[in-house]
Amino acid sequence: MPKMKTKSSAKKRFSFTGTGKVRANQANKQHGMIKRTNKQIRNQRGTTILEKSDAKLVKAYMPYR
């Protein structure tokens, strides 16, 4: 059986924690910050852990995580 390929788009956007959870960049942070509240900007710093249903899809894209 040949090796499965990792989706290139997924490996650029997601990483995994030591316990196997999926880490991703915060959404809605690319442009238009002037419209957003300071609280929203502050809360969207850094990364976030994906929900189980979303993480399941990402794990299918990255078989050798």
Protein backbone atom coordinates (compact mmCIF):
# COMPACT_ATOMS: atom_id res chain seq x y z
CA MET A 1 0.00 0.00 0.00
CA PRO A 2 1.50 3.37 -0.97
CA LYS A 3 1.92 6.13 1.56
CA MET A 4 -0.91 8.62 1.96
CA LYS A 5 -0.16 12.25 1.13
CA THR A 6 -0.57 15.05 3.65
CA LYS A 7 -2.62 17.99 2.37
CA SER A 8 -0.14 20.83 1.88
CA SER A 9 -2.71 23.46 2.84
CA ALA A 10 -3.38 21.71 6.15
CA LYS A 11 0.26 21.34 7.16
CA LYS A 12 0.77 25.09 6.66
CA ARG A 13 -2.26 26.06 8.77
CA PHE A 14 -2.49 23.54 11.62
CA SER A 15 -0.19 22.00 14.20
CA PHE A 16 -0.73 19.50 16.99
CA THR A 17 -0.29 19.73 20.75
CA GLY A 18 1.50 17.05 22.72
CA THR A 19 -1.83 15.43 23.63
CA GLY A 20 -3.00 15.31 19.99
CA LYS A 21 -5.33 18.31 19.92
CA VAL A 22 -5.29 20.51 16.82
CA ARG A 23 -3.96 24.06 17.15
CA ALA A 24 -4.94 26.74 14.61
CA ASN A 25 -4.59 30.46 14.08
CA GLN A 26 -7.46 32.66 15.22
CA ALA A 27 -10.02 33.50 12.53
CA ASN A 28 -11.11 37.03 11.52
CA LYS A 29 -7.73 38.69 12.09
CA GLN A 30 -6.53 39.46 8.55
CA HIS A 31 -7.86 42.97 8.01
CA GLY A 32 -10.44 45.49 9.23
CA MET A 33 -9.14 45.73 12.79
CA ILE A 34 -10.30 49.35 13.03
CA LYS A 35 -13.93 48.12 13.14
CA ARG A 36 -13.36 45.61 15.90
CA THR A 37 -13.39 46.27 19.61
CA ASN A 38 -10.15 46.20 21.56
CA LYS A 39 -11.52 43.26 23.55
CA GLN A 40 -12.10 41.26 20.37
CA ILE A 41 -8.62 42.02 19.05
CA ARG A 42 -7.09 41.06 22.39
CA ASN A 43 -9.01 37.78 22.58
CA GLN A 44 -7.97 36.79 19.06
CA ARG A 45 -4.24 36.95 19.71
CA GLY A 46 -2.19 33.82 19.23
CA THR A 47 -3.74 30.44 18.47
CA THR A 48 -6.77 28.40 19.49
CA ILE A 49 -7.64 24.72 19.91
CA LEU A 50 -10.14 23.40 17.35
CA GLU A 51 -13.41 21.75 18.36
CA LYS A 52 -13.63 17.95 18.09
CA SER A 53 -15.66 17.93 14.87
CA ASP A 54 -13.29 20.30 13.11
CA ALA A 55 -10.23 18.52 14.45
CA LYS A 56 -11.49 15.24 13.02
CA LEU A 57 -11.42 16.72 9.50
CA VAL A 58 -7.92 18.11 9.95
CA LYS A 59 -6.60 14.78 11.24
CA ALA A 60 -7.91 13.11 8.08
CA TYR A 61 -5.85 15.57 6.02
CA MET A 62 -2.70 14.86 8.05
CA PRO A 63 -2.38 11.09 8.41
CA TYR A 64 1.19 11.13 9.80
CA ARG A 65 0.81 14.00 12.27
